[in-house]
Amino acid sequence: MKTEKHKQQPKPQDAGKPQRDTEHGEGNYKASREYNDATRDFVKSGQVEQAAEKAKPRNQQEQEEMRKAEEAGRDRSKGEDPKLHKGGRKSSDIH
């Protein structure tokens, strides 16, 4: 005998309470899949170099602002996951 999973209907005493949102938050697989698909499509489009060029700072002031923003982000970070760079390369090796 098969058991079907059905959405749980609110009980009469719960009728005024908002339904639990099962599509958002941690583990939102649909949004993750959509993001991954869009990223993959963008990379395949051949527009990555153009976007990178467009994102470059236009002057010394912008370059300094970007550097400070990146530094501020790193200061709040717990560091990168060592598993991220399996070849032993650290983010500090890149710059």
N, C-alpha and C. Protein backbone atom coordinates (compact mmCIF):
# COMPACT_ATOMS: atom_id res chain seq x y z
N MET A 1 0.83 -1.17 0.00
CA MET A 1 0.00 0.00 0.00
C MET A 1 0.88 1.24 0.00
N LYS A 2 0.68 2.14 -0.96
CA LYS A 2 1.47 3.36 -1.07
C LYS A 2 0.87 4.45 -0.20
N THR A 3 1.77 5.23 0.38
CA THR A 3 1.33 6.38 1.14
C THR A 3 1.72 7.62 0.38
N GLU A 4 0.76 8.47 0.11
CA GLU A 4 1.05 9.71 -0.62
C GLU A 4 1.30 10.83 0.38
N LYS A 5 2.26 11.68 0.01
CA LYS A 5 2.52 12.84 0.85
C LYS A 5 1.63 13.97 0.36
N HIS A 6 0.88 14.54 1.25
CA HIS A 6 0.03 15.66 0.93
C HIS A 6 0.46 16.85 1.77
N LYS A 7 0.22 18.05 1.22
CA LYS A 7 0.48 19.23 2.03
C LYS A 7 -0.46 19.19 3.22
N GLN A 8 0.11 19.50 4.36
CA GLN A 8 -0.70 19.49 5.56
C GLN A 8 -1.62 20.70 5.56
N GLN A 9 -2.88 20.45 5.67
CA GLN A 9 -3.87 21.51 5.69
C GLN A 9 -3.88 22.13 7.09
N PRO A 10 -4.06 23.47 7.16
CA PRO A 10 -4.10 24.09 8.49
C PRO A 10 -5.33 23.62 9.26
N LYS A 11 -5.12 23.42 10.54
CA LYS A 11 -6.23 23.06 11.40
C LYS A 11 -7.09 24.31 11.61
N PRO A 12 -8.34 24.14 11.92
CA PRO A 12 -9.21 25.32 12.09
C PRO A 12 -8.64 26.35 13.06
N GLN A 13 -8.00 25.92 14.15
CA GLN A 13 -7.46 26.87 15.11
C GLN A 13 -6.21 27.58 14.55
N ASP A 14 -5.59 27.04 13.47
CA ASP A 14 -4.42 27.64 12.86
C ASP A 14 -4.78 28.49 11.63
N ALA A 15 -6.06 28.63 11.34
CA ALA A 15 -6.50 29.28 10.11
C ALA A 15 -5.97 30.71 9.97
N GLY A 16 -5.82 31.45 11.06
CA GLY A 16 -5.35 32.82 10.97
C GLY A 16 -3.84 32.95 10.96
N LYS A 17 -3.12 31.88 11.21
CA LYS A 17 -1.66 31.92 11.26
C LYS A 17 -1.08 31.79 9.86
N PRO A 18 0.05 32.47 9.60
CA PRO A 18 0.66 32.32 8.27
C PRO A 18 1.21 30.91 8.06
N GLN A 19 1.12 30.45 6.82
CA GLN A 19 1.65 29.13 6.47
C GLN A 19 3.17 29.16 6.53
N ARG A 20 3.77 28.08 6.89
CA ARG A 20 5.23 27.98 6.91
C ARG A 20 5.74 27.98 5.47
N ASP A 21 6.73 28.82 5.22
CA ASP A 21 7.31 28.94 3.88
C ASP A 21 8.37 27.85 3.71
N THR A 22 8.09 26.89 2.86
CA THR A 22 9.02 25.77 2.67
C THR A 22 9.93 25.96 1.46
N GLU A 23 9.79 27.08 0.72
CA GLU A 23 10.59 27.31 -0.48
C GLU A 23 11.79 28.22 -0.26
N HIS A 24 11.87 28.92 0.86
CA HIS A 24 12.92 29.90 1.06
C HIS A 24 13.73 29.57 2.31
N GLY A 25 14.91 30.20 2.39
CA GLY A 25 15.77 29.96 3.53
C GLY A 25 16.84 28.95 3.19
N GLU A 26 17.44 28.39 4.21
CA GLU A 26 18.50 27.41 3.96
C GLU A 26 17.92 26.21 3.22
N GLY A 27 18.66 25.73 2.26
CA GLY A 27 18.20 24.57 1.53
C GLY A 27 17.19 24.89 0.45
N ASN A 28 17.19 26.12 -0.04
CA ASN A 28 16.26 26.48 -1.10
C ASN A 28 16.85 25.95 -2.42
N TYR A 29 16.56 24.72 -2.70
CA TYR A 29 17.17 24.04 -3.84
C TYR A 29 16.74 24.63 -5.18
N LYS A 30 15.51 25.10 -5.25
CA LYS A 30 15.02 25.69 -6.50
C LYS A 30 15.82 26.95 -6.84
N ALA A 31 15.99 27.84 -5.86
CA ALA A 31 16.75 29.08 -6.10
C ALA A 31 18.21 28.77 -6.39
N SER A 32 18.76 27.80 -5.71
CA SER A 32 20.14 27.41 -5.94
C SER A 32 20.33 26.89 -7.36
N ARG A 33 19.42 26.06 -7.80
CA ARG A 33 19.47 25.51 -9.15
C ARG A 33 19.34 26.62 -10.20
N GLU A 34 18.41 27.56 -9.96
CA GLU A 34 18.23 28.67 -10.89
C GLU A 34 19.49 29.53 -10.97
N TYR A 35 20.10 29.81 -9.82
CA TYR A 35 21.34 30.60 -9.80
C TYR A 35 22.45 29.87 -10.55
N ASN A 36 22.62 28.60 -10.27
CA ASN A 36 23.67 27.82 -10.94
C ASN A 36 23.46 27.78 -12.45
N ASP A 37 22.21 27.61 -12.88
CA ASP A 37 21.91 27.58 -14.31
C ASP A 37 22.21 28.93 -14.96
N ALA A 38 21.81 30.02 -14.30
CA ALA A 38 22.07 31.36 -14.86
C ALA A 38 23.56 31.64 -14.92
N THR A 39 24.30 31.24 -13.91
CA THR A 39 25.75 31.45 -13.91
C THR A 39 26.41 30.66 -15.03
N ARG A 40 26.00 29.41 -15.18
CA ARG A 40 26.56 28.56 -16.24
C ARG A 40 26.25 29.17 -17.62
N ASP A 41 25.02 29.65 -17.81
CA ASP A 41 24.64 30.26 -19.08
C ASP A 41 25.45 31.52 -19.35
N PHE A 42 25.70 32.32 -18.31
CA PHE A 42 26.48 33.53 -18.48
C PHE A 42 27.91 33.20 -18.90
N VAL A 43 28.51 32.22 -18.26
CA VAL A 43 29.88 31.82 -18.61
C VAL A 43 29.92 31.32 -20.05
N LYS A 44 28.94 30.52 -20.44
CA LYS A 44 28.90 30.01 -21.82
C LYS A 44 28.65 31.10 -22.85
N SER A 45 28.05 32.23 -22.42
CA SER A 45 27.71 33.30 -23.36
C SER A 45 28.95 34.02 -23.89
N GLY A 46 30.07 33.86 -23.22
CA GLY A 46 31.30 34.52 -23.66
C GLY A 46 31.38 35.98 -23.24
N GLN A 47 30.55 36.42 -22.33
CA GLN A 47 30.53 37.82 -21.92
C GLN A 47 31.29 38.08 -20.62
N VAL A 48 31.99 37.08 -20.11
CA VAL A 48 32.69 37.23 -18.83
C VAL A 48 33.79 38.28 -18.92
N GLU A 49 34.62 38.20 -19.95
CA GLU A 49 35.71 39.18 -20.09
C GLU A 49 35.17 40.59 -20.21
N GLN A 50 34.11 40.76 -20.98
CA GLN A 50 33.50 42.07 -21.17
C GLN A 50 32.98 42.61 -19.83
N ALA A 51 32.33 41.77 -19.04
CA ALA A 51 31.80 42.18 -17.74
C ALA A 51 32.93 42.52 -16.77
N ALA A 52 34.00 41.74 -16.82
CA ALA A 52 35.15 42.00 -15.94
C ALA A 52 35.79 43.33 -16.30
N GLU A 53 35.91 43.60 -17.57
CA GLU A 53 36.49 44.86 -18.03
C GLU A 53 35.61 46.04 -17.58
N LYS A 54 34.30 45.87 -17.69
CA LYS A 54 33.37 46.92 -17.31
C LYS A 54 33.38 47.16 -15.80
N ALA A 55 33.72 46.14 -15.01
CA ALA A 55 33.72 46.25 -13.55
C ALA A 55 35.00 46.86 -13.00
N LYS A 56 36.01 47.02 -13.83
CA LYS A 56 37.28 47.58 -13.37
C LYS A 56 37.06 49.01 -12.88
N PRO A 57 37.85 49.43 -11.90
CA PRO A 57 37.75 50.82 -11.44
C PRO A 57 38.14 51.78 -12.56
N ARG A 58 37.42 52.90 -12.63
CA ARG A 58 37.67 53.87 -13.70
C ARG A 58 38.77 54.86 -13.36
N ASN A 59 39.12 54.96 -12.05
CA ASN A 59 40.16 55.89 -11.65
C ASN A 59 40.78 55.43 -10.34
N GLN A 60 41.77 56.17 -9.87
CA GLN A 60 42.48 55.82 -8.64
C GLN A 60 41.55 55.82 -7.43
N GLN A 61 40.63 56.78 -7.38
CA GLN A 61 39.72 56.87 -6.25
C GLN A 61 38.84 55.61 -6.17
N GLU A 62 38.27 55.19 -7.28
CA GLU A 62 37.45 53.96 -7.30
C GLU A 62 38.30 52.75 -6.92
N GLN A 63 39.52 52.70 -7.41
CA GLN A 63 40.40 51.57 -7.09
C GLN A 63 40.64 51.50 -5.58
N GLU A 64 40.88 52.64 -4.96
CA GLU A 64 41.12 52.67 -3.52
C GLU A 64 39.86 52.30 -2.75
N GLU A 65 38.70 52.76 -3.21
CA GLU A 65 37.44 52.39 -2.56
C GLU A 65 37.20 50.89 -2.64
N MET A 66 37.48 50.29 -3.78
CA MET A 66 37.30 48.85 -3.95
C MET A 66 38.26 48.07 -3.05
N ARG A 67 39.50 48.55 -2.97
CA ARG A 67 40.48 47.89 -2.12
C ARG A 67 40.03 47.93 -0.66
N LYS A 68 39.57 49.09 -0.21
CA LYS A 68 39.11 49.24 1.18
C LYS A 68 37.88 48.36 1.45
N ALA A 69 36.97 48.30 0.50
CA ALA A 69 35.77 47.47 0.67
C ALA A 69 36.15 45.99 0.78
N GLU A 70 37.07 45.56 -0.06
CA GLU A 70 37.51 44.17 -0.01
C GLU A 70 38.20 43.87 1.33
N GLU A 71 39.02 44.79 1.77
CA GLU A 71 39.73 44.63 3.05
C GLU A 71 38.73 44.55 4.21
N ALA A 72 37.72 45.42 4.19
CA ALA A 72 36.70 45.41 5.24
C ALA A 72 35.96 44.07 5.26
N GLY A 73 35.67 43.54 4.09
CA GLY A 73 35.02 42.23 4.02
C GLY A 73 35.88 41.12 4.58
N ARG A 74 37.16 41.17 4.26
CA ARG A 74 38.08 40.15 4.78
C ARG A 74 38.24 40.25 6.29
N ASP A 75 38.20 41.47 6.83
CA ASP A 75 38.34 41.66 8.27
C ASP A 75 37.22 40.98 9.03
N ARG A 76 36.04 40.92 8.44
CA ARG A 76 34.88 40.29 9.09
C ARG A 76 34.80 38.79 8.83
N SER A 77 35.62 38.32 7.92
CA SER A 77 35.58 36.93 7.50
C SER A 77 36.28 36.01 8.50
N LYS A 78 35.82 34.79 8.53
CA LYS A 78 36.49 33.76 9.33
C LYS A 78 37.59 33.09 8.51
N GLY A 79 37.77 33.54 7.30
CA GLY A 79 38.77 32.95 6.42
C GLY A 79 38.12 32.00 5.44
N GLU A 80 38.90 31.59 4.48
CA GLU A 80 38.37 30.68 3.47
C GLU A 80 38.47 29.25 3.95
N ASP A 81 37.58 28.44 3.47
CA ASP A 81 37.58 27.02 3.77
C ASP A 81 38.79 26.40 3.10
N PRO A 82 39.66 25.72 3.85
CA PRO A 82 40.84 25.11 3.24
C PRO A 82 40.50 24.10 2.15
N LYS A 83 39.32 23.53 2.20
CA LYS A 83 38.90 22.57 1.18
C LYS A 83 38.60 23.25 -0.15
N LEU A 84 38.42 24.57 -0.11
CA LEU A 84 38.11 25.32 -1.32
C LEU A 84 39.26 25.27 -2.31
N HIS A 85 40.47 25.29 -1.81
CA HIS A 85 41.67 25.28 -2.66
C HIS A 85 42.44 23.98 -2.41
N LYS A 86 41.98 22.93 -3.01
CA LYS A 86 42.57 21.61 -2.78
C LYS A 86 44.03 21.53 -3.21
N GLY A 87 44.44 22.41 -4.15
CA GLY A 87 45.81 22.39 -4.62
C GLY A 87 46.76 23.07 -3.65
N GLY A 88 46.23 23.54 -2.53
CA GLY A 88 47.07 24.17 -1.53
C GLY A 88 47.24 25.66 -1.74
N ARG A 89 46.59 26.22 -2.76
CA ARG A 89 46.68 27.65 -3.01
C ARG A 89 45.77 28.41 -2.06
N LYS A 90 46.26 29.50 -1.51
CA LYS A 90 45.47 30.34 -0.63
C LYS A 90 45.06 31.58 -1.41
N SER A 91 44.02 32.27 -0.92
CA SER A 91 43.59 33.49 -1.59
C SER A 91 44.70 34.52 -1.60
N SER A 92 45.55 34.51 -0.56
CA SER A 92 46.65 35.48 -0.50
C SER A 92 47.69 35.19 -1.58
N ASP A 93 47.72 33.97 -2.10
CA ASP A 93 48.67 33.63 -3.17
C ASP A 93 48.23 34.21 -4.51
N ILE A 94 46.97 34.53 -4.63
CA ILE A 94 46.41 34.99 -5.89
C ILE A 94 46.80 36.42 -6.16
N HIS A 95 46.82 37.25 -5.13
CA HIS A 95 47.06 38.69 -5.31
C HIS A 95 48.53 39.00 -5.36
